[in-house]
Amino acid sequence: MPKMKTKSGAAKRFKVRASGSIKRSQAFKRHILTKKTTKNKRQLRGTAEVHATNTASVHAMMPYA
C-alpha cells in the first residue's frame, strides 16, 4: 500500500497545534483594503481556530499532521 499524500494547499494553510486543534489565518485581508474600516482590518489580524465541523475534513487532507 503506498503512502497517503498530504494536500499541499492544506499544508500551507493549516497548522496542527499540540492539543490537536487546527489553527488557520483570517480571510478577507489580502486586497481591496481601502473600503474596509481600520477596526475591521485590525480584528482580522492573527490566527483563528478551525471550526469543529470542519476539523475532520482538514485532518483527512493532512493525514500525517
PDB file of N, CA and C in Angstrom:
ATOM      1  N   MET A   1       0.849  -1.186   0.000  1.00  0.00           N
ATOM      2  CA  MET A   1       0.000   0.000   0.000  1.00  0.00           C
ATOM      3  C   MET A   1       0.892   1.246   0.000  1.00  0.00           C
ATOM      4  N   PRO A   2       0.690   2.149  -0.928  1.00  0.00           N
ATOM      5  CA  PRO A   2       1.532   3.349  -0.949  1.00  0.00           C
ATOM      6  C   PRO A   2       1.152   4.307   0.172  1.00  0.00           C
ATOM      7  N   LYS A   3       2.074   5.225   0.429  1.00  0.00           N
ATOM      8  CA  LYS A   3       1.812   6.243   1.445  1.00  0.00           C
ATOM      9  C   LYS A   3       0.718   7.188   0.967  1.00  0.00           C
ATOM     10  N   MET A   4      -0.015   7.726   1.917  1.00  0.00           N
ATOM     11  CA  MET A   4      -1.015   8.749   1.599  1.00  0.00           C
ATOM     12  C   MET A   4      -0.305  10.075   1.432  1.00  0.00           C
ATOM     13  N   LYS A   5      -0.773  10.871   0.501  1.00  0.00           N
ATOM     14  CA  LYS A   5      -0.152  12.173   0.267  1.00  0.00           C
ATOM     15  C   LYS A   5      -0.914  13.260   1.006  1.00  0.00           C
ATOM     16  N   THR A   6      -0.165  14.214   1.527  1.00  0.00           N
ATOM     17  CA  THR A   6      -0.748  15.403   2.129  1.00  0.00           C
ATOM     18  C   THR A   6      -1.113  16.376   1.019  1.00  0.00           C
ATOM     19  N   LYS A   7      -2.290  16.973   1.113  1.00  0.00           N
ATOM     20  CA  LYS A   7      -2.675  18.021   0.159  1.00  0.00           C
ATOM     21  C   LYS A   7      -1.802  19.238   0.428  1.00  0.00           C
ATOM     22  N   SER A   8      -1.006  19.618  -0.555  1.00  0.00           N
ATOM     23  CA  SER A   8      -0.024  20.681  -0.325  1.00  0.00           C
ATOM     24  C   SER A   8      -0.694  22.018  -0.042  1.00  0.00           C
ATOM     25  N   GLY A   9      -1.861  22.264  -0.618  1.00  0.00           N
ATOM     26  CA  GLY A   9      -2.572  23.504  -0.328  1.00  0.00           C
ATOM     27  C   GLY A   9      -3.024  23.579   1.116  1.00  0.00           C
ATOM     28  N   ALA A  10      -3.463  22.442   1.659  1.00  0.00           N
ATOM     29  CA  ALA A  10      -3.888  22.407   3.059  1.00  0.00           C
ATOM     30  C   ALA A  10      -2.693  22.550   3.987  1.00  0.00           C
ATOM     31  N   ALA A  11      -1.549  21.973   3.605  1.00  0.00           N
ATOM     32  CA  ALA A  11      -0.351  22.070   4.446  1.00  0.00           C
ATOM     33  C   ALA A  11       0.130  23.507   4.550  1.00  0.00           C
ATOM     34  N   LYS A  12      -0.091  24.295   3.505  1.00  0.00           N
ATOM     35  CA  LYS A  12       0.309  25.703   3.538  1.00  0.00           C
ATOM     36  C   LYS A  12      -0.644  26.548   4.374  1.00  0.00           C
ATOM     37  N   ARG A  13      -1.895  26.122   4.481  1.00  0.00           N
ATOM     38  CA  ARG A  13      -2.911  26.955   5.116  1.00  0.00           C
ATOM     39  C   ARG A  13      -3.160  26.625   6.584  1.00  0.00           C
ATOM     40  N   PHE A  14      -2.905  25.385   6.996  1.00  0.00           N
ATOM     41  CA  PHE A  14      -3.266  24.957   8.342  1.00  0.00           C
ATOM     42  C   PHE A  14      -2.052  24.448   9.092  1.00  0.00           C
ATOM     43  N   LYS A  15      -2.067  24.636  10.428  1.00  0.00           N
ATOM     44  CA  LYS A  15      -1.057  24.070  11.309  1.00  0.00           C
ATOM     45  C   LYS A  15      -1.796  23.370  12.453  1.00  0.00           C
ATOM     46  N   VAL A  16      -1.345  22.176  12.813  1.00  0.00           N
ATOM     47  CA  VAL A  16      -1.965  21.439  13.907  1.00  0.00           C
ATOM     48  C   VAL A  16      -1.219  21.772  15.187  1.00  0.00           C
ATOM     49  N   ARG A  17      -1.958  22.182  16.200  1.00  0.00           N
ATOM     50  CA  ARG A  17      -1.366  22.518  17.489  1.00  0.00           C
ATOM     51  C   ARG A  17      -1.104  21.255  18.287  1.00  0.00           C
ATOM     52  N   ALA A  18      -0.368  21.410  19.378  1.00  0.00           N
ATOM     53  CA  ALA A  18      -0.035  20.263  20.226  1.00  0.00           C
ATOM     54  C   ALA A  18      -1.286  19.655  20.848  1.00  0.00           C
ATOM     55  N   SER A  19      -2.306  20.469  21.077  1.00  0.00           N
ATOM     56  CA  SER A  19      -3.552  19.964  21.651  1.00  0.00           C
ATOM     57  C   SER A  19      -4.395  19.216  20.638  1.00  0.00           C
ATOM     58  N   GLY A  20      -4.031  19.315  19.344  1.00  0.00           N
ATOM     59  CA  GLY A  20      -4.801  18.647  18.297  1.00  0.00           C
ATOM     60  C   GLY A  20      -5.717  19.572  17.538  1.00  0.00           C
ATOM     61  N   SER A  21      -5.935  20.780  18.065  1.00  0.00           N
ATOM     62  CA  SER A  21      -6.758  21.739  17.329  1.00  0.00           C
ATOM     63  C   SER A  21      -5.957  22.295  16.160  1.00  0.00           C
ATOM     64  N   ILE A  22      -6.660  22.831  15.188  1.00  0.00           N
ATOM     65  CA  ILE A  22      -6.022  23.303  13.960  1.00  0.00           C
ATOM     66  C   ILE A  22      -6.172  24.806  13.892  1.00  0.00           C
ATOM     67  N   LYS A  23      -5.064  25.489  13.631  1.00  0.00           N
ATOM     68  CA  LYS A  23      -5.132  26.939  13.508  1.00  0.00           C
ATOM     69  C   LYS A  23      -5.081  27.333  12.038  1.00  0.00           C
ATOM     70  N   ARG A  24      -5.726  28.452  11.744  1.00  0.00           N
ATOM     71  CA  ARG A  24      -5.805  28.964  10.384  1.00  0.00           C
ATOM     72  C   ARG A  24      -5.651  30.473  10.430  1.00  0.00           C
ATOM     73  N   SER A  25      -5.335  31.048   9.282  1.00  0.00           N
ATOM     74  CA  SER A  25      -5.240  32.503   9.212  1.00  0.00           C
ATOM     75  C   SER A  25      -6.598  33.081   8.837  1.00  0.00           C
ATOM     76  N   GLN A  26      -6.767  34.350   9.112  1.00  0.00           N
ATOM     77  CA  GLN A  26      -8.038  35.003   8.832  1.00  0.00           C
ATOM     78  C   GLN A  26      -8.160  35.324   7.348  1.00  0.00           C
ATOM     79  N   ALA A  27      -9.369  35.227   6.828  1.00  0.00           N
ATOM     80  CA  ALA A  27      -9.637  35.576   5.444  1.00  0.00           C
ATOM     81  C   ALA A  27      -9.984  37.065   5.340  1.00  0.00           C
ATOM     82  N   PHE A  28     -10.143  37.554   4.124  1.00  0.00           N
ATOM     83  CA  PHE A  28     -10.595  38.918   3.804  1.00  0.00           C
ATOM     84  C   PHE A  28      -9.574  39.989   4.153  1.00  0.00           C
ATOM     85  N   LYS A  29      -8.285  39.675   4.145  1.00  0.00           N
ATOM     86  CA  LYS A  29      -7.295  40.688   4.467  1.00  0.00           C
ATOM     87  C   LYS A  29      -6.184  40.749   3.418  1.00  0.00           C
ATOM     88  N   ARG A  30      -6.465  40.361   2.173  1.00  0.00           N
ATOM     89  CA  ARG A  30      -5.446  40.322   1.139  1.00  0.00           C
ATOM     90  C   ARG A  30      -5.484  41.548   0.230  1.00  0.00           C
ATOM     91  N   HIS A  31      -6.656  41.956  -0.198  1.00  0.00           N
ATOM     92  CA  HIS A  31      -6.746  43.062  -1.147  1.00  0.00           C
ATOM     93  C   HIS A  31      -8.090  43.748  -0.948  1.00  0.00           C
ATOM     94  N   ILE A  32      -8.287  44.849  -1.674  1.00  0.00           N
ATOM     95  CA  ILE A  32      -9.474  45.710  -1.531  1.00  0.00           C
ATOM     96  C   ILE A  32      -9.606  46.152  -0.070  1.00  0.00           C
ATOM     97  N   LEU A  33      -8.503  46.666   0.473  1.00  0.00           N
ATOM     98  CA  LEU A  33      -8.482  47.043   1.881  1.00  0.00           C
ATOM     99  C   LEU A  33      -8.913  48.487   2.110  1.00  0.00           C
ATOM    100  N   THR A  34      -8.979  49.280   1.046  1.00  0.00           N
ATOM    101  CA  THR A  34      -9.296  50.699   1.248  1.00  0.00           C
ATOM    102  C   THR A  34     -10.733  50.895   1.687  1.00  0.00           C
ATOM    103  N   LYS A  35     -11.635  50.052   1.262  1.00  0.00           N
ATOM    104  CA  LYS A  35     -13.033  50.224   1.652  1.00  0.00           C
ATOM    105  C   LYS A  35     -13.365  49.568   2.989  1.00  0.00           C
ATOM    106  N   LYS A  36     -12.431  48.828   3.554  1.00  0.00           N
ATOM    107  CA  LYS A  36     -12.654  48.203   4.849  1.00  0.00           C
ATOM    108  C   LYS A  36     -12.191  49.144   5.959  1.00  0.00           C
ATOM    109  N   THR A  37     -12.906  49.130   7.055  1.00  0.00           N
ATOM    110  CA  THR A  37     -12.585  50.046   8.142  1.00  0.00           C
ATOM    111  C   THR A  37     -11.324  49.589   8.864  1.00  0.00           C
ATOM    112  N   THR A  38     -10.685  50.518   9.556  1.00  0.00           N
ATOM    113  CA  THR A  38      -9.483  50.197  10.315  1.00  0.00           C
ATOM    114  C   THR A  38      -9.784  49.187  11.404  1.00  0.00           C
ATOM    115  N   LYS A  39     -10.945  49.330  12.027  1.00  0.00           N
ATOM    116  CA  LYS A  39     -11.344  48.386  13.069  1.00  0.00           C
ATOM    117  C   LYS A  39     -11.502  46.986  12.498  1.00  0.00           C
ATOM    118  N   ASN A  40     -12.101  46.893  11.331  1.00  0.00           N
ATOM    119  CA  ASN A  40     -12.307  45.593  10.692  1.00  0.00           C
ATOM    120  C   ASN A  40     -10.974  44.936  10.348  1.00  0.00           C
ATOM    121  N   LYS A  41     -10.052  45.709   9.793  1.00  0.00           N
ATOM    122  CA  LYS A  41      -8.741  45.166   9.423  1.00  0.00           C
ATOM    123  C   LYS A  41      -7.943  44.760  10.658  1.00  0.00           C
ATOM    124  N   ARG A  42      -8.057  45.518  11.735  1.00  0.00           N
ATOM    125  CA  ARG A  42      -7.355  45.190  12.970  1.00  0.00           C
ATOM    126  C   ARG A  42      -7.878  43.889  13.570  1.00  0.00           C
ATOM    127  N   GLN A  43      -9.186  43.678  13.490  1.00  0.00           N
ATOM    128  CA  GLN A  43      -9.757  42.466  14.061  1.00  0.00           C
ATOM    129  C   GLN A  43      -9.491  41.235  13.200  1.00  0.00           C
ATOM    130  N   LEU A  44      -9.048  41.426  11.963  1.00  0.00           N
ATOM    131  CA  LEU A  44      -8.704  40.299  11.106  1.00  0.00           C
ATOM    132  C   LEU A  44      -7.264  39.845  11.282  1.00  0.00           C
ATOM    133  N   ARG A  45      -6.489  40.511  12.138  1.00  0.00           N
ATOM    134  CA  ARG A  45      -5.114  40.103  12.382  1.00  0.00           C
ATOM    135  C   ARG A  45      -5.074  38.792  13.147  1.00  0.00           C
ATOM    136  N   GLY A  46      -3.937  38.131  13.103  1.00  0.00           N
ATOM    137  CA  GLY A  46      -3.737  36.952  13.923  1.00  0.00           C
ATOM    138  C   GLY A  46      -4.383  35.714  13.337  1.00  0.00           C
ATOM    139  N   THR A  47      -4.473  34.692  14.160  1.00  0.00           N
ATOM    140  CA  THR A  47      -4.977  33.406  13.708  1.00  0.00           C
ATOM    141  C   THR A  47      -6.274  33.067  14.417  1.00  0.00           C
ATOM    142  N   ALA A  48      -6.973  32.077  13.867  1.00  0.00           N
ATOM    143  CA  ALA A  48      -8.205  31.588  14.461  1.00  0.00           C
ATOM    144  C   ALA A  48      -8.162  30.068  14.431  1.00  0.00           C
ATOM    145  N   GLU A  49      -9.109  29.458  15.120  1.00  0.00           N
ATOM    146  CA  GLU A  49      -9.177  28.010  15.160  1.00  0.00           C
ATOM    147  C   GLU A  49     -10.187  27.522  14.127  1.00  0.00           C
ATOM    148  N   VAL A  50      -9.874  26.417  13.474  1.00  0.00           N
ATOM    149  CA  VAL A  50     -10.806  25.812  12.525  1.00  0.00           C
ATOM    150  C   VAL A  50     -12.010  25.297  13.304  1.00  0.00           C
ATOM    151  N   HIS A  51     -13.198  25.547  12.783  1.00  0.00           N
ATOM    152  CA  HIS A  51     -14.423  25.165  13.475  1.00  0.00           C
ATOM    153  C   HIS A  51     -14.523  23.644  13.584  1.00  0.00           C
ATOM    154  N   ALA A  52     -15.201  23.194  14.617  1.00  0.00           N
ATOM    155  CA  ALA A  52     -15.299  21.758  14.895  1.00  0.00           C
ATOM    156  C   ALA A  52     -15.945  20.980  13.757  1.00  0.00           C
ATOM    157  N   THR A  53     -16.832  21.616  13.014  1.00  0.00           N
ATOM    158  CA  THR A  53     -17.493  20.923  11.909  1.00  0.00           C
ATOM    159  C   THR A  53     -16.557  20.694  10.729  1.00  0.00           C
ATOM    160  N   ASN A  54     -15.435  21.411  10.666  1.00  0.00           N
ATOM    161  CA  ASN A  54     -14.511  21.279   9.541  1.00  0.00           C
ATOM    162  C   ASN A  54     -13.223  20.546   9.893  1.00  0.00           C
ATOM    163  N   THR A  55     -13.010  20.201  11.158  1.00  0.00           N
ATOM    164  CA  THR A  55     -11.738  19.601  11.540  1.00  0.00           C
ATOM    165  C   THR A  55     -11.540  18.237  10.904  1.00  0.00           C
ATOM    166  N   ALA A  56     -12.593  17.458  10.730  1.00  0.00           N
ATOM    167  CA  ALA A  56     -12.445  16.122  10.143  1.00  0.00           C
ATOM    168  C   ALA A  56     -11.967  16.203   8.713  1.00  0.00           C
ATOM    169  N   SER A  57     -12.477  17.155   7.948  1.00  0.00           N
ATOM    170  CA  SER A  57     -12.058  17.279   6.553  1.00  0.00           C
ATOM    171  C   SER A  57     -10.636  17.792   6.443  1.00  0.00           C
ATOM    172  N   VAL A  58     -10.214  18.658   7.370  1.00  0.00           N
ATOM    173  CA  VAL A  58      -8.835  19.142   7.352  1.00  0.00           C
ATOM    174  C   VAL A  58      -7.878  18.019   7.741  1.00  0.00           C
ATOM    175  N   HIS A  59      -8.261  17.199   8.718  1.00  0.00           N
ATOM    176  CA  HIS A  59      -7.429  16.057   9.099  1.00  0.00           C
ATOM    177  C   HIS A  59      -7.312  15.056   7.956  1.00  0.00           C
ATOM    178  N   ALA A  60      -8.366  14.915   7.165  1.00  0.00           N
ATOM    179  CA  ALA A  60      -8.315  13.999   6.023  1.00  0.00           C
ATOM    180  C   ALA A  60      -7.351  14.501   4.959  1.00  0.00           C
ATOM    181  N   MET A  61      -7.248  15.830   4.815  1.00  0.00           N
ATOM    182  CA  MET A  61      -6.325  16.391   3.832  1.00  0.00           C
ATOM    183  C   MET A  61      -4.867  16.309   4.296  1.00  0.00           C
ATOM    184  N   MET A  62      -4.676  16.250   5.629  1.00  0.00           N
ATOM    185  CA  MET A  62      -3.321  16.192   6.183  1.00  0.00           C
ATOM    186  C   MET A  62      -3.218  14.945   7.070  1.00  0.00           C
ATOM    187  N   PRO A  63      -3.023  13.762   6.495  1.00  0.00           N
ATOM    188  CA  PRO A  63      -3.102  12.532   7.285  1.00  0.00           C
ATOM    189  C   PRO A  63      -1.973  12.362   8.297  1.00  0.00           C
ATOM    190  N   TYR A  64      -0.828  12.996   8.094  1.00  0.00           N
ATOM    191  CA  TYR A  64       0.316  12.785   8.990  1.00  0.00           C
ATOM    192  C   TYR A  64       0.552  13.954   9.935  1.00  0.00           C
ATOM    193  N   ALA A  65      -0.313  14.951   9.919  1.00  0.00           N
ATOM    194  CA  ALA A  65      -0.134  16.122  10.771  1.00  0.00           C
ATOM    195  C   ALA A  65      -0.719  15.879  12.152  1.00  0.00           C
TER     196      ALA A  65
END
